[in-house]
Amino acid sequence: MPAGLTEADQPTRHLSAWWVVRDVLVVLAACAAAGALAGVVWEAWWTPPVGVVRDQAWYLDFFQSRDLFSATALYVVVGVVGGLLVGAASAFFVDRVELLTLATVVVGSLLAGWLMLQVGSALAPPDPHALARTAAEDTRLPGTLEVSGTWPRGAFPAGAMLGVAAIYIGLTASRRSPT
C-alpha cells in the first residue's frame, strides 16, 4: 500500500460471478451492435459499380472496375474505426477484470466483423453474375458488395485491439496512479 494511504482509502471492487457475466454480456452486446451498425454504414457509404449484360454474362467497364476494390477499402476503414470505438469504450467502462475484458473484446470483435460483413452484404444489391444469366441483353446491373481476400476481415478486431491498448496503456495507467 502506498505511503500515506489507509485501508479505507483503497477503492473496493465488488467482484462476483454476476458482475463478471454481466460485463462479458455487455461487451459482447456492444460488439454485436457495433458490427451490425458498421455493416449498415459500410453499405450506405459504398457506391456500387454498374456493369452491362452481354451474352448472359455481367461485364464491367474498365473505369468502373476500381469501384470493386473500394468495397474492400471501405470495409477496412469502417471496421477499424468501429473496432477502435467499441474497444476503447469496452476497456474504459468495463474495467473490473482487464484480461477478461480483453478476451471478451477479442471474441466480440470477431463477431462484430462477421456481422458487419453479413449485414452489409444483405443490404447490397444481389450478385450481378447470377442475375445476368436471365437478364436481357444490354441490361445495366449494379455490382454487389463483397470483401476481396481474407486479411481485410481482421480490420474490426485490429481496431478493437488498438482501442483497448490505447485505454489500458494511456488512460488507465494515469487514472490509477496514486498522486
Protein backbone atom coordinates (compact mmCIF):
# COMPACT_ATOMS: atom_id res chain seq x y z
CA MET A 1 0.00 0.00 0.00
CA PRO A 2 1.46 3.44 -0.90
CA ALA A 3 2.66 5.63 1.94
CA GLY A 4 0.02 7.89 3.46
CA LEU A 5 -2.95 5.75 2.38
CA THR A 6 -5.02 3.75 4.78
CA GLU A 7 -7.12 0.69 4.14
CA ALA A 8 -10.22 2.92 3.90
CA ASP A 9 -8.62 4.95 1.09
CA GLN A 10 -8.26 1.93 -1.17
CA PRO A 11 -11.01 1.57 -3.76
CA THR A 12 -13.06 -1.55 -3.34
CA ARG A 13 -14.22 -3.54 -6.30
CA HIS A 14 -17.13 -5.84 -5.90
CA LEU A 15 -16.29 -8.94 -7.93
CA SER A 16 -18.94 -11.57 -8.08
CA ALA A 17 -19.92 -14.04 -10.74
CA TRP A 18 -22.92 -11.84 -11.59
CA TRP A 19 -20.73 -8.81 -12.34
CA VAL A 20 -18.31 -10.83 -14.44
CA VAL A 21 -21.11 -12.39 -16.50
CA ARG A 22 -22.79 -9.00 -16.86
CA ASP A 23 -19.56 -7.41 -18.06
CA VAL A 24 -18.98 -10.16 -20.63
CA LEU A 25 -22.55 -9.87 -21.93
CA VAL A 26 -22.35 -6.07 -22.10
CA VAL A 27 -19.14 -6.20 -24.14
CA LEU A 28 -20.48 -8.90 -26.47
CA ALA A 29 -23.75 -6.99 -26.99
CA ALA A 30 -21.85 -3.76 -27.67
CA CYS A 31 -19.63 -5.53 -30.20
CA ALA A 32 -22.61 -7.13 -31.94
CA ALA A 33 -24.47 -3.82 -32.14
CA ALA A 34 -21.36 -2.02 -33.39
CA GLY A 35 -20.78 -4.70 -36.03
CA ALA A 36 -24.35 -4.51 -37.33
CA LEU A 37 -24.22 -0.71 -37.39
CA ALA A 38 -20.86 -0.81 -39.15
CA GLY A 39 -22.40 -3.07 -41.81
CA VAL A 40 -25.14 -0.50 -42.42
CA VAL A 41 -22.57 2.31 -42.62
CA TRP A 42 -20.35 0.27 -44.96
CA GLU A 43 -23.19 -0.42 -47.37
CA ALA A 44 -24.51 3.16 -47.23
CA TRP A 45 -21.08 4.67 -47.91
CA TRP A 46 -20.28 2.35 -50.82
CA THR A 47 -21.22 3.17 -54.41
CA PRO A 48 -21.83 0.03 -56.48
CA PRO A 49 -20.16 -0.22 -59.88
CA VAL A 50 -22.60 -0.61 -62.76
CA GLY A 51 -21.93 -3.19 -65.44
CA VAL A 52 -23.75 -4.37 -68.53
CA VAL A 53 -25.11 -7.78 -69.56
CA ARG A 54 -23.63 -9.29 -72.74
CA ASP A 55 -24.28 -12.90 -73.73
CA GLN A 56 -25.79 -13.74 -70.32
CA ALA A 57 -22.64 -12.53 -68.54
CA TRP A 58 -22.05 -9.38 -66.49
CA TYR A 59 -19.21 -7.16 -67.70
CA LEU A 60 -17.77 -4.14 -66.00
CA ASP A 61 -16.41 -1.07 -67.74
CA PHE A 62 -12.69 -0.53 -67.11
CA PHE A 63 -13.29 2.73 -65.23
CA GLN A 64 -15.98 1.11 -63.06
CA SER A 65 -13.67 -1.73 -62.01
CA ARG A 66 -11.93 0.44 -59.41
CA ASP A 67 -15.23 0.54 -57.51
CA LEU A 68 -14.90 -3.20 -56.90
CA PHE A 69 -11.83 -2.53 -54.76
CA SER A 70 -13.47 0.35 -52.92
CA ALA A 71 -15.79 -2.11 -51.17
CA THR A 72 -12.81 -3.80 -49.50
CA ALA A 73 -11.13 -0.49 -48.67
CA LEU A 74 -14.31 0.87 -47.10
CA TYR A 75 -14.75 -2.37 -45.14
CA VAL A 76 -11.28 -1.87 -43.68
CA VAL A 77 -11.83 1.81 -42.84
CA VAL A 78 -15.25 1.32 -41.26
CA GLY A 79 -14.10 -1.83 -39.47
CA VAL A 80 -11.01 -0.22 -37.95
CA VAL A 81 -12.93 2.86 -36.80
CA GLY A 82 -15.81 0.78 -35.42
CA GLY A 83 -13.41 -1.58 -33.68
CA LEU A 84 -11.42 1.30 -32.24
CA LEU A 85 -14.56 2.86 -30.76
CA VAL A 86 -16.01 -0.35 -29.31
CA GLY A 87 -12.63 -1.50 -27.99
CA ALA A 88 -11.90 1.81 -26.29
CA ALA A 89 -15.40 2.04 -24.81
CA SER A 90 -15.22 -1.54 -23.53
CA ALA A 91 -11.82 -1.00 -21.92
CA PHE A 92 -12.88 2.30 -20.37
CA PHE A 93 -16.28 1.33 -18.99
CA VAL A 94 -15.81 -2.39 -18.26
CA ASP A 95 -12.61 -2.43 -16.24
CA ARG A 96 -13.25 -4.85 -13.37
CA VAL A 97 -11.12 -7.69 -14.79
CA GLU A 98 -8.94 -6.35 -17.57
CA LEU A 99 -7.81 -9.68 -19.00
CA LEU A 100 -11.38 -10.93 -19.18
CA THR A 101 -12.41 -7.68 -20.87
CA LEU A 102 -9.57 -8.09 -23.36
CA ALA A 103 -10.54 -11.69 -24.14
CA THR A 104 -14.19 -10.70 -24.49
CA VAL A 105 -13.30 -7.85 -26.84
CA VAL A 106 -11.29 -10.27 -29.00
CA VAL A 107 -14.25 -12.66 -29.30
CA GLY A 108 -16.76 -9.81 -29.64
CA SER A 109 -14.76 -8.05 -32.33
CA LEU A 110 -14.58 -11.25 -34.39
CA LEU A 111 -18.36 -11.46 -34.07
CA ALA A 112 -18.66 -7.78 -34.98
CA GLY A 113 -16.53 -8.18 -38.11
CA TRP A 114 -18.63 -11.14 -39.20
CA LEU A 115 -21.88 -9.25 -38.53
CA MET A 116 -20.56 -6.23 -40.42
CA LEU A 117 -19.90 -8.41 -43.45
CA GLN A 118 -23.28 -10.18 -43.23
CA VAL A 119 -25.36 -7.02 -42.72
CA GLY A 120 -23.54 -5.03 -45.39
CA SER A 121 -23.82 -7.86 -47.92
CA ALA A 122 -27.51 -8.42 -47.13
CA LEU A 123 -28.29 -4.74 -47.76
CA ALA A 124 -26.31 -4.61 -51.01
CA PRO A 125 -27.62 -5.42 -54.49
CA PRO A 126 -27.68 -9.15 -55.38
CA ASP A 127 -24.90 -10.88 -57.31
CA PRO A 128 -24.96 -9.46 -60.86
CA HIS A 129 -23.36 -12.60 -62.33
CA ALA A 130 -26.36 -14.68 -61.28
CA LEU A 131 -28.83 -12.04 -62.48
CA ALA A 132 -27.07 -11.73 -65.84
CA ARG A 133 -27.95 -15.33 -66.78
CA THR A 134 -31.63 -14.39 -67.08
CA ALA A 135 -31.38 -10.67 -67.89
CA ALA A 136 -31.98 -9.14 -71.30
CA GLU A 137 -29.03 -8.09 -73.45
CA ASP A 138 -27.55 -4.63 -72.60
CA THR A 139 -29.25 -4.54 -69.20
CA ARG A 140 -27.31 -2.42 -66.71
CA LEU A 141 -26.85 -4.11 -63.32
CA PRO A 142 -25.12 -2.83 -60.17
CA GLY A 143 -22.33 -4.84 -58.61
CA THR A 144 -22.58 -6.48 -55.21
CA LEU A 145 -20.77 -5.64 -52.01
CA GLU A 146 -18.02 -8.06 -51.10
CA VAL A 147 -14.59 -8.19 -49.49
CA SER A 148 -11.64 -9.38 -51.56
CA GLY A 149 -9.26 -11.67 -49.70
CA THR A 150 -9.17 -12.76 -46.09
CA TRP A 151 -6.84 -10.25 -44.42
CA PRO A 152 -9.30 -7.32 -44.56
CA ARG A 153 -11.66 -9.32 -42.34
CA GLY A 154 -9.29 -8.64 -39.46
CA ALA A 155 -9.97 -4.89 -39.60
CA PHE A 156 -12.58 -4.84 -36.85
CA PRO A 157 -10.52 -6.95 -34.41
CA ALA A 158 -7.39 -4.90 -35.17
CA GLY A 159 -9.24 -1.66 -34.46
CA ALA A 160 -10.69 -3.11 -31.27
CA MET A 161 -7.26 -4.15 -30.02
CA LEU A 162 -5.92 -0.66 -30.76
CA GLY A 163 -8.79 0.85 -28.79
CA VAL A 164 -8.22 -1.45 -25.82
CA ALA A 165 -4.47 -0.80 -25.90
CA ALA A 166 -4.97 2.96 -26.05
CA ILE A 167 -7.12 2.89 -22.93
CA TYR A 168 -5.10 0.33 -20.99
CA ILE A 169 -1.72 1.84 -21.76
CA GLY A 170 -2.58 5.51 -21.90
CA LEU A 171 -5.60 6.45 -19.88
CA THR A 172 -5.92 3.69 -17.31
CA ALA A 173 -2.35 3.96 -16.10
CA SER A 174 -2.74 7.66 -15.32
CA ARG A 175 -6.20 7.11 -13.83
CA ARG A 176 -4.96 4.53 -11.32
CA SER A 177 -1.63 6.05 -10.36
CA PRO A 178 -1.56 7.38 -6.79
CA THR A 179 -0.84 11.09 -6.57
